[in-house]
Amino acid sequence: MGASSWAIPVGVLGGLCLICLAFIWWYIPRLYTRGVQADINRVAAEKQERERQAAALREANGEIPDLEAGGAQVVTPVEMWVITQ
């Protein structure tokens, strides 16, 4: 009794589908993780740039950061004059 004429093509097609599924199962999460990391890096760079621009703007307006408070509070030159008096 010989093999059916459809057995070999179906087996080859099934093997190709299995290989494609394994490749997709391996590649898509890797691609997703790379994209998420790129987004995180982009957002961090944009935040750092905004903070740099804000600090430059505060400095250009004559505001002096209060270093003892961790730089979170800003003291204007007028307030600094009142504090030192």
N, C-alpha and C. Protein backbone atom coordinates (compact mmCIF):
# COMPACT_ATOMS: atom_id res chain seq x y z
N MET A 1 0.83 -1.15 0.00
CA MET A 1 0.00 0.00 0.00
C MET A 1 0.89 1.24 0.00
N GLY A 2 0.69 2.13 -0.93
CA GLY A 2 1.49 3.33 -1.07
C GLY A 2 0.92 4.48 -0.25
N ALA A 3 1.72 5.51 -0.08
CA ALA A 3 1.30 6.70 0.66
C ALA A 3 0.34 7.50 -0.21
N SER A 4 -0.56 8.19 0.43
CA SER A 4 -1.49 9.03 -0.31
C SER A 4 -0.72 10.18 -0.94
N SER A 5 -1.23 10.69 -2.04
CA SER A 5 -0.55 11.77 -2.75
C SER A 5 -0.61 13.10 -2.01
N TRP A 6 -1.45 13.21 -1.04
CA TRP A 6 -1.58 14.46 -0.30
C TRP A 6 -0.74 14.49 0.98
N ALA A 7 -0.19 13.40 1.42
CA ALA A 7 0.49 13.31 2.71
C ALA A 7 1.76 14.16 2.74
N ILE A 8 2.58 14.08 1.73
CA ILE A 8 3.85 14.82 1.72
C ILE A 8 3.61 16.33 1.63
N PRO A 9 2.77 16.82 0.71
CA PRO A 9 2.53 18.27 0.68
C PRO A 9 1.90 18.81 1.97
N VAL A 10 0.99 18.08 2.57
CA VAL A 10 0.36 18.52 3.82
C VAL A 10 1.40 18.53 4.95
N GLY A 11 2.26 17.54 4.99
CA GLY A 11 3.31 17.49 6.00
C GLY A 11 4.29 18.65 5.86
N VAL A 12 4.68 18.95 4.60
CA VAL A 12 5.60 20.07 4.35
C VAL A 12 4.92 21.39 4.72
N LEU A 13 3.68 21.58 4.31
CA LEU A 13 2.95 22.80 4.65
C LEU A 13 2.77 22.93 6.16
N GLY A 14 2.46 21.86 6.84
CA GLY A 14 2.32 21.89 8.30
C GLY A 14 3.64 22.24 8.97
N GLY A 15 4.73 21.71 8.46
CA GLY A 15 6.05 22.04 9.01
C GLY A 15 6.40 23.51 8.81
N LEU A 16 6.09 24.03 7.61
CA LEU A 16 6.33 25.45 7.36
C LEU A 16 5.48 26.34 8.27
N CYS A 17 4.23 25.95 8.46
CA CYS A 17 3.35 26.72 9.36
C CYS A 17 3.89 26.69 10.79
N LEU A 18 4.38 25.55 11.23
CA LEU A 18 4.93 25.43 12.57
C LEU A 18 6.19 26.29 12.72
N ILE A 19 7.05 26.29 11.71
CA ILE A 19 8.25 27.13 11.75
C ILE A 19 7.88 28.61 11.77
N CYS A 20 6.90 29.00 10.95
CA CYS A 20 6.46 30.41 10.94
C CYS A 20 5.85 30.80 12.28
N LEU A 21 5.06 29.93 12.87
CA LEU A 21 4.46 30.22 14.17
C LEU A 21 5.54 30.37 15.25
N ALA A 22 6.54 29.49 15.23
CA ALA A 22 7.63 29.59 16.21
C ALA A 22 8.40 30.89 16.01
N PHE A 23 8.65 31.28 14.75
CA PHE A 23 9.37 32.53 14.49
C PHE A 23 8.57 33.73 14.97
N ILE A 24 7.28 33.76 14.70
CA ILE A 24 6.43 34.86 15.14
C ILE A 24 6.37 34.88 16.67
N TRP A 25 6.28 33.74 17.31
CA TRP A 25 6.21 33.65 18.76
C TRP A 25 7.49 34.17 19.40
N TRP A 26 8.62 34.01 18.71
CA TRP A 26 9.90 34.49 19.21
C TRP A 26 10.13 35.96 18.87
N TYR A 27 9.75 36.40 17.66
CA TYR A 27 10.12 37.72 17.15
C TYR A 27 9.21 38.84 17.63
N ILE A 28 7.91 38.63 17.69
CA ILE A 28 6.97 39.70 18.03
C ILE A 28 7.20 40.22 19.46
N PRO A 29 7.35 39.38 20.49
CA PRO A 29 7.63 39.95 21.83
C PRO A 29 8.96 40.71 21.87
N ARG A 30 9.94 40.22 21.12
CA ARG A 30 11.22 40.91 21.06
C ARG A 30 11.07 42.28 20.43
N LEU A 31 10.33 42.36 19.34
CA LEU A 31 10.08 43.62 18.66
C LEU A 31 9.27 44.56 19.54
N TYR A 32 8.27 44.03 20.25
CA TYR A 32 7.45 44.84 21.15
C TYR A 32 8.29 45.42 22.27
N THR A 33 9.15 44.61 22.88
CA THR A 33 10.00 45.08 23.97
C THR A 33 10.95 46.16 23.49
N ARG A 34 11.50 45.99 22.30
CA ARG A 34 12.41 47.00 21.74
C ARG A 34 11.66 48.31 21.51
N GLY A 35 10.44 48.24 21.03
CA GLY A 35 9.64 49.44 20.79
C GLY A 35 9.27 50.15 22.08
N VAL A 36 8.90 49.39 23.10
CA VAL A 36 8.56 49.99 24.39
C VAL A 36 9.78 50.67 24.98
N GLN A 37 10.95 50.03 24.89
CA GLN A 37 12.17 50.63 25.43
C GLN A 37 12.53 51.91 24.67
N ALA A 38 12.31 51.92 23.36
CA ALA A 38 12.57 53.13 22.57
C ALA A 38 11.64 54.26 23.00
N ASP A 39 10.37 53.92 23.28
CA ASP A 39 9.43 54.94 23.76
C ASP A 39 9.84 55.49 25.12
N ILE A 40 10.27 54.61 26.01
CA ILE A 40 10.71 55.04 27.34
C ILE A 40 11.91 55.97 27.21
N ASN A 41 12.87 55.61 26.36
CA ASN A 41 14.05 56.45 26.16
C ASN A 41 13.68 57.81 25.57
N ARG A 42 12.74 57.82 24.62
CA ARG A 42 12.32 59.07 23.99
C ARG A 42 11.63 59.98 25.00
N VAL A 43 10.75 59.42 25.82
CA VAL A 43 10.05 60.22 26.82
C VAL A 43 11.03 60.76 27.86
N ALA A 44 12.01 59.95 28.27
CA ALA A 44 13.00 60.41 29.25
C ALA A 44 13.85 61.54 28.66
N ALA A 45 14.21 61.43 27.38
CA ALA A 45 14.99 62.48 26.74
C ALA A 45 14.18 63.77 26.62
N GLU A 46 12.90 63.66 26.28
CA GLU A 46 12.04 64.84 26.18
C GLU A 46 11.86 65.50 27.55
N LYS A 47 11.71 64.68 28.61
CA LYS A 47 11.56 65.23 29.95
C LYS A 47 12.83 65.95 30.38
N GLN A 48 13.97 65.36 30.09
CA GLN A 48 15.24 65.99 30.44
C GLN A 48 15.42 67.31 29.69
N GLU A 49 15.01 67.33 28.43
CA GLU A 49 15.12 68.56 27.63
C GLU A 49 14.19 69.64 28.19
N ARG A 50 12.95 69.27 28.57
CA ARG A 50 12.03 70.24 29.16
C ARG A 50 12.57 70.79 30.46
N GLU A 51 13.15 69.92 31.29
CA GLU A 51 13.72 70.39 32.55
C GLU A 51 14.91 71.33 32.31
N ARG A 52 15.72 71.02 31.30
CA ARG A 52 16.86 71.87 30.97
C ARG A 52 16.38 73.23 30.49
N GLN A 53 15.35 73.24 29.62
CA GLN A 53 14.82 74.50 29.13
C GLN A 53 14.17 75.31 30.25
N ALA A 54 13.48 74.64 31.17
CA ALA A 54 12.85 75.34 32.29
C ALA A 54 13.92 75.94 33.20
N ALA A 55 15.00 75.21 33.44
CA ALA A 55 16.08 75.74 34.28
C ALA A 55 16.75 76.92 33.59
N ALA A 56 16.95 76.83 32.28
CA ALA A 56 17.55 77.95 31.55
C ALA A 56 16.63 79.16 31.57
N LEU A 57 15.32 78.95 31.47
CA LEU A 57 14.36 80.05 31.51
C LEU A 57 14.33 80.69 32.90
N ARG A 58 14.36 79.86 33.95
CA ARG A 58 14.39 80.41 35.30
C ARG A 58 15.66 81.22 35.53
N GLU A 59 16.78 80.71 35.03
CA GLU A 59 18.04 81.43 35.18
C GLU A 59 18.02 82.74 34.39
N ALA A 60 17.42 82.72 33.20
CA ALA A 60 17.34 83.92 32.37
C ALA A 60 16.43 84.97 33.03
N ASN A 61 15.44 84.54 33.79
CA ASN A 61 14.54 85.47 34.48
C ASN A 61 15.12 85.96 35.81
N GLY A 62 16.30 85.49 36.17
CA GLY A 62 16.96 85.96 37.37
C GLY A 62 16.58 85.22 38.63
N GLU A 63 15.93 84.09 38.51
CA GLU A 63 15.56 83.32 39.69
C GLU A 63 16.74 82.45 40.11
N ILE A 64 16.96 82.36 41.41
CA ILE A 64 18.06 81.58 41.94
C ILE A 64 17.48 80.37 42.66
N PRO A 65 17.89 79.15 42.30
CA PRO A 65 17.32 77.98 42.99
C PRO A 65 17.84 77.87 44.41
N ASP A 66 16.98 77.45 45.31
CA ASP A 66 17.35 77.25 46.71
C ASP A 66 17.99 75.88 46.82
N LEU A 67 19.30 75.83 46.93
CA LEU A 67 20.03 74.56 46.92
C LEU A 67 19.83 73.78 48.21
N GLU A 68 19.58 74.46 49.32
CA GLU A 68 19.36 73.76 50.58
C GLU A 68 18.05 72.99 50.57
N ALA A 69 17.10 73.44 49.78
CA ALA A 69 15.81 72.75 49.68
C ALA A 69 15.84 71.71 48.56
N GLY A 70 17.01 71.38 48.04
CA GLY A 70 17.11 70.38 46.99
C GLY A 70 16.82 70.93 45.62
N GLY A 71 16.81 72.22 45.48
CA GLY A 71 16.55 72.84 44.19
C GLY A 71 15.09 72.84 43.80
N ALA A 72 14.21 72.35 44.69
CA ALA A 72 12.80 72.27 44.35
C ALA A 72 12.13 73.64 44.45
N GLN A 73 12.58 74.45 45.41
CA GLN A 73 11.99 75.77 45.57
C GLN A 73 12.87 76.80 44.87
N VAL A 74 12.23 77.82 44.36
CA VAL A 74 12.96 78.87 43.66
C VAL A 74 12.82 80.16 44.45
N VAL A 75 13.96 80.83 44.66
CA VAL A 75 13.97 82.08 45.39
C VAL A 75 14.34 83.18 44.41
N THR A 76 13.50 84.19 44.30
CA THR A 76 13.78 85.32 43.40
C THR A 76 14.80 86.23 44.06
N PRO A 77 15.49 87.08 43.30
CA PRO A 77 16.48 87.98 43.89
C PRO A 77 15.89 88.90 44.95
N VAL A 78 14.63 89.32 44.79
CA VAL A 78 14.01 90.20 45.79
C VAL A 78 13.86 89.44 47.11
N GLU A 79 13.38 88.20 47.05
CA GLU A 79 13.26 87.40 48.27
C GLU A 79 14.63 87.15 48.88
N MET A 80 15.65 86.96 48.08
CA MET A 80 16.99 86.74 48.57
C MET A 80 17.47 88.00 49.32
N TRP A 81 17.16 89.16 48.81
CA TRP A 81 17.56 90.42 49.46
C TRP A 81 16.87 90.55 50.81
N VAL A 82 15.56 90.17 50.86
CA VAL A 82 14.80 90.26 52.11
C VAL A 82 15.35 89.26 53.11
N ILE A 83 15.72 88.08 52.67
CA ILE A 83 16.24 87.05 53.57
C ILE A 83 17.58 87.48 54.17
N THR A 84 18.43 88.09 53.38
CA THR A 84 19.77 88.47 53.86
C THR A 84 19.74 89.72 54.72
N GLN A 85 18.68 90.49 54.69
CA GLN A 85 18.60 91.73 55.48
C GLN A 85 18.37 91.45 56.94
